[in-house]
Amino acid sequence: MSRYYEMSVEVTGYDPEKENGIKAVAAEEWSFEEWTHYADRPGMDDNEKGMMSSAKDNLSGGETEEQFAERLIVAIWKTNGSYCTVTVDATYLESLPYETHTLDEDDYERLIQPNTGESEQ
């Protein structure tokens, strides 16, 4: 059974020379394609510079969110050749919270009545 997710990954403190390899290995683990890089700001040290991506895809084979995150993080660490901070956010898209909004005839009368120029208070 597969489950539909949006996964986001954020990587900071990585070796800039390994950036393309990190992107490639992340794309092998999930359908990450587009990456956003943090802008260099004055006073920002190398450990704060980073990149992030998100994509929607399916977890399958009974793999949990935790197992996926561990698999992705380990692949990125191996590619980087050393520790870097990797954060994975998982959003299960098949059962998101939602609210239902329904208006009744009184609302219809209140919202559709002709504008008389007078305000209701």
C-alpha atoms as a PDB file:
ATOM      1  CA  MET A   1       0.000   0.000   0.000  1.00  0.00           C
ATOM      2  CA  SER A   2       1.382   3.400  -0.900  1.00  0.00           C
ATOM      3  CA  ARG A   3       0.672   6.622   0.928  1.00  0.00           C
ATOM      4  CA  TYR A   4       0.843  10.079  -0.678  1.00  0.00           C
ATOM      5  CA  TYR A   5       3.211  12.566   1.023  1.00  0.00           C
ATOM      6  CA  GLU A   6       4.878  15.885   0.546  1.00  0.00           C
ATOM      7  CA  MET A   7       8.452  15.673   1.791  1.00  0.00           C
ATOM      8  CA  SER A   8      10.615  18.712   2.396  1.00  0.00           C
ATOM      9  CA  VAL A   9      14.342  18.516   2.994  1.00  0.00           C
ATOM     10  CA  GLU A  10      16.636  21.254   4.249  1.00  0.00           C
ATOM     11  CA  VAL A  11      20.424  20.827   4.240  1.00  0.00           C
ATOM     12  CA  THR A  12      22.833  23.196   5.979  1.00  0.00           C
ATOM     13  CA  GLY A  13      26.535  23.075   6.762  1.00  0.00           C
ATOM     14  CA  TYR A  14      27.354  20.834   3.790  1.00  0.00           C
ATOM     15  CA  ASP A  15      30.519  20.877   1.702  1.00  0.00           C
ATOM     16  CA  PRO A  16      29.753  23.262  -1.194  1.00  0.00           C
ATOM     17  CA  GLU A  17      31.829  21.085  -3.524  1.00  0.00           C
ATOM     18  CA  LYS A  18      29.414  18.189  -2.825  1.00  0.00           C
ATOM     19  CA  GLU A  19      26.241  20.197  -3.524  1.00  0.00           C
ATOM     20  CA  ASN A  20      25.450  18.606  -6.902  1.00  0.00           C
ATOM     21  CA  GLY A  21      26.038  15.128  -5.489  1.00  0.00           C
ATOM     22  CA  ILE A  22      23.723  15.851  -2.544  1.00  0.00           C
ATOM     23  CA  LYS A  23      21.001  17.035  -4.914  1.00  0.00           C
ATOM     24  CA  ALA A  24      21.453  13.939  -7.082  1.00  0.00           C
ATOM     25  CA  VAL A  25      21.302  11.464  -4.211  1.00  0.00           C
ATOM     26  CA  ALA A  26      18.266  13.231  -2.736  1.00  0.00           C
ATOM     27  CA  ALA A  27      16.538  12.954  -6.124  1.00  0.00           C
ATOM     28  CA  GLU A  28      17.265   9.205  -6.149  1.00  0.00           C
ATOM     29  CA  GLU A  29      15.525   8.828  -2.778  1.00  0.00           C
ATOM     30  CA  TRP A  30      12.516  11.093  -3.539  1.00  0.00           C
ATOM     31  CA  SER A  31      11.330  13.179  -6.488  1.00  0.00           C
ATOM     32  CA  PHE A  32      13.198  16.344  -5.444  1.00  0.00           C
ATOM     33  CA  GLU A  33      13.869  18.520  -8.494  1.00  0.00           C
ATOM     34  CA  GLU A  34      13.799  22.237  -7.696  1.00  0.00           C
ATOM     35  CA  TRP A  35      16.111  23.578  -4.975  1.00  0.00           C
ATOM     36  CA  THR A  36      16.106  26.924  -3.193  1.00  0.00           C
ATOM     37  CA  HIS A  37      19.347  28.279  -1.780  1.00  0.00           C
ATOM     38  CA  TYR A  38      19.633  30.620   1.156  1.00  0.00           C
ATOM     39  CA  ALA A  39      20.903  33.992   0.111  1.00  0.00           C
ATOM     40  CA  ASP A  40      24.286  34.930   1.495  1.00  0.00           C
ATOM     41  CA  ARG A  41      23.689  37.576   4.106  1.00  0.00           C
ATOM     42  CA  PRO A  42      26.380  39.605   5.850  1.00  0.00           C
ATOM     43  CA  GLY A  43      27.475  37.856   9.016  1.00  0.00           C
ATOM     44  CA  MET A  44      26.078  34.462   7.969  1.00  0.00           C
ATOM     45  CA  ASP A  45      28.615  31.715   8.581  1.00  0.00           C
ATOM     46  CA  ASP A  46      29.030  28.666   6.351  1.00  0.00           C
ATOM     47  CA  ASN A  47      27.019  26.419   8.701  1.00  0.00           C
ATOM     48  CA  GLU A  48      23.956  28.645   8.219  1.00  0.00           C
ATOM     49  CA  LYS A  49      24.077  28.566   4.422  1.00  0.00           C
ATOM     50  CA  GLY A  50      21.833  25.938   2.998  1.00  0.00           C
ATOM     51  CA  MET A  51      19.428  24.654   0.423  1.00  0.00           C
ATOM     52  CA  MET A  52      15.953  23.183   0.505  1.00  0.00           C
ATOM     53  CA  SER A  53      13.536  21.312  -1.710  1.00  0.00           C
ATOM     54  CA  SER A  54      10.096  19.747  -1.488  1.00  0.00           C
ATOM     55  CA  ALA A  55       8.160  17.316  -3.637  1.00  0.00           C
ATOM     56  CA  LYS A  56       5.108  15.082  -3.585  1.00  0.00           C
ATOM     57  CA  ASP A  57       5.394  11.337  -4.055  1.00  0.00           C
ATOM     58  CA  ASN A  58       4.366   8.041  -2.496  1.00  0.00           C
ATOM     59  CA  LEU A  59       5.864   6.073   0.363  1.00  0.00           C
ATOM     60  CA  SER A  60       5.375   2.408  -0.361  1.00  0.00           C
ATOM     61  CA  GLY A  61       6.347  -1.024   0.793  1.00  0.00           C
ATOM     62  CA  GLY A  62       5.303  -0.275   4.355  1.00  0.00           C
ATOM     63  CA  GLU A  63       8.131   2.238   4.839  1.00  0.00           C
ATOM     64  CA  THR A  64       7.400   4.732   7.619  1.00  0.00           C
ATOM     65  CA  GLU A  65       8.140   8.458   7.580  1.00  0.00           C
ATOM     66  CA  GLU A  66      10.927   7.853  10.099  1.00  0.00           C
ATOM     67  CA  GLN A  67      12.505   5.125   7.974  1.00  0.00           C
ATOM     68  CA  PHE A  68      12.362   7.354   4.894  1.00  0.00           C
ATOM     69  CA  ALA A  69      13.914  10.300   6.751  1.00  0.00           C
ATOM     70  CA  GLU A  70      16.734   8.103   8.059  1.00  0.00           C
ATOM     71  CA  ARG A  71      17.398   6.651   4.594  1.00  0.00           C
ATOM     72  CA  LEU A  72      17.504  10.117   3.011  1.00  0.00           C
ATOM     73  CA  ILE A  73      19.658  11.671   5.737  1.00  0.00           C
ATOM     74  CA  VAL A  74      22.193   8.814   5.667  1.00  0.00           C
ATOM     75  CA  ALA A  75      22.444   9.069   1.864  1.00  0.00           C
ATOM     76  CA  ILE A  76      23.117  12.813   2.143  1.00  0.00           C
ATOM     77  CA  TRP A  77      25.727  12.331   4.909  1.00  0.00           C
ATOM     78  CA  LYS A  78      27.533   9.670   2.871  1.00  0.00           C
ATOM     79  CA  THR A  79      27.557  11.916  -0.182  1.00  0.00           C
ATOM     80  CA  ASN A  80      28.744  14.908   1.844  1.00  0.00           C
ATOM     81  CA  GLY A  81      31.512  12.836   3.419  1.00  0.00           C
ATOM     82  CA  SER A  82      30.825  14.265   6.854  1.00  0.00           C
ATOM     83  CA  TYR A  83      28.035  15.396   9.140  1.00  0.00           C
ATOM     84  CA  CYS A  84      25.763  18.217   8.009  1.00  0.00           C
ATOM     85  CA  THR A  85      22.379  19.254   9.356  1.00  0.00           C
ATOM     86  CA  VAL A  86      19.528  17.623   7.428  1.00  0.00           C
ATOM     87  CA  THR A  87      15.915  18.270   8.358  1.00  0.00           C
ATOM     88  CA  VAL A  88      13.067  16.307   6.780  1.00  0.00           C
ATOM     89  CA  ASP A  89       9.430  17.398   7.115  1.00  0.00           C
ATOM     90  CA  ALA A  90       6.781  14.860   6.135  1.00  0.00           C
ATOM     91  CA  THR A  91       3.176  15.855   5.411  1.00  0.00           C
ATOM     92  CA  TYR A  92       0.677  13.048   4.881  1.00  0.00           C
ATOM     93  CA  LEU A  93      -1.578  14.392   2.119  1.00  0.00           C
ATOM     94  CA  GLU A  94      -4.324  11.780   2.184  1.00  0.00           C
ATOM     95  CA  SER A  95      -5.725  12.734   5.570  1.00  0.00           C
ATOM     96  CA  LEU A  96      -5.126  16.429   6.124  1.00  0.00           C
ATOM     97  CA  PRO A  97      -7.268  18.322   8.592  1.00  0.00           C
ATOM     98  CA  TYR A  98      -9.964  20.390   6.941  1.00  0.00           C
ATOM     99  CA  GLU A  99     -13.010  22.468   7.766  1.00  0.00           C
ATOM    100  CA  THR A 100     -16.339  22.499   5.984  1.00  0.00           C
ATOM    101  CA  HIS A 101     -18.120  25.814   5.472  1.00  0.00           C
ATOM    102  CA  THR A 102     -21.796  25.962   4.583  1.00  0.00           C
ATOM    103  CA  LEU A 103     -24.011  29.035   4.448  1.00  0.00           C
ATOM    104  CA  ASP A 104     -27.778  28.920   4.928  1.00  0.00           C
ATOM    105  CA  GLU A 105     -30.709  30.924   3.528  1.00  0.00           C
ATOM    106  CA  ASP A 106     -30.315  33.637   6.173  1.00  0.00           C
ATOM    107  CA  ASP A 107     -26.721  34.085   5.030  1.00  0.00           C
ATOM    108  CA  TYR A 108     -27.948  34.233   1.448  1.00  0.00           C
ATOM    109  CA  GLU A 109     -30.358  37.044   2.307  1.00  0.00           C
ATOM    110  CA  ARG A 110     -27.696  38.897   4.275  1.00  0.00           C
ATOM    111  CA  LEU A 111     -24.998  38.590   1.620  1.00  0.00           C
ATOM    112  CA  ILE A 112     -27.011  38.892  -1.582  1.00  0.00           C
ATOM    113  CA  GLN A 113     -29.494  41.635  -0.600  1.00  0.00           C
ATOM    114  CA  PRO A 114     -29.281  44.793  -2.700  1.00  0.00           C
ATOM    115  CA  ASN A 115     -26.855  47.386  -1.398  1.00  0.00           C
ATOM    116  CA  THR A 116     -29.013  50.208   0.007  1.00  0.00           C
ATOM    117  CA  GLY A 117     -26.102  52.338   1.054  1.00  0.00           C
ATOM    118  CA  GLU A 118     -26.912  51.724   4.695  1.00  0.00           C
ATOM    119  CA  SER A 119     -24.556  49.668   6.785  1.00  0.00           C
ATOM    120  CA  GLU A 120     -25.895  46.887   8.959  1.00  0.00           C
ATOM    121  CA  GLN A 121     -24.847  47.032  12.589  1.00  0.00           C
END
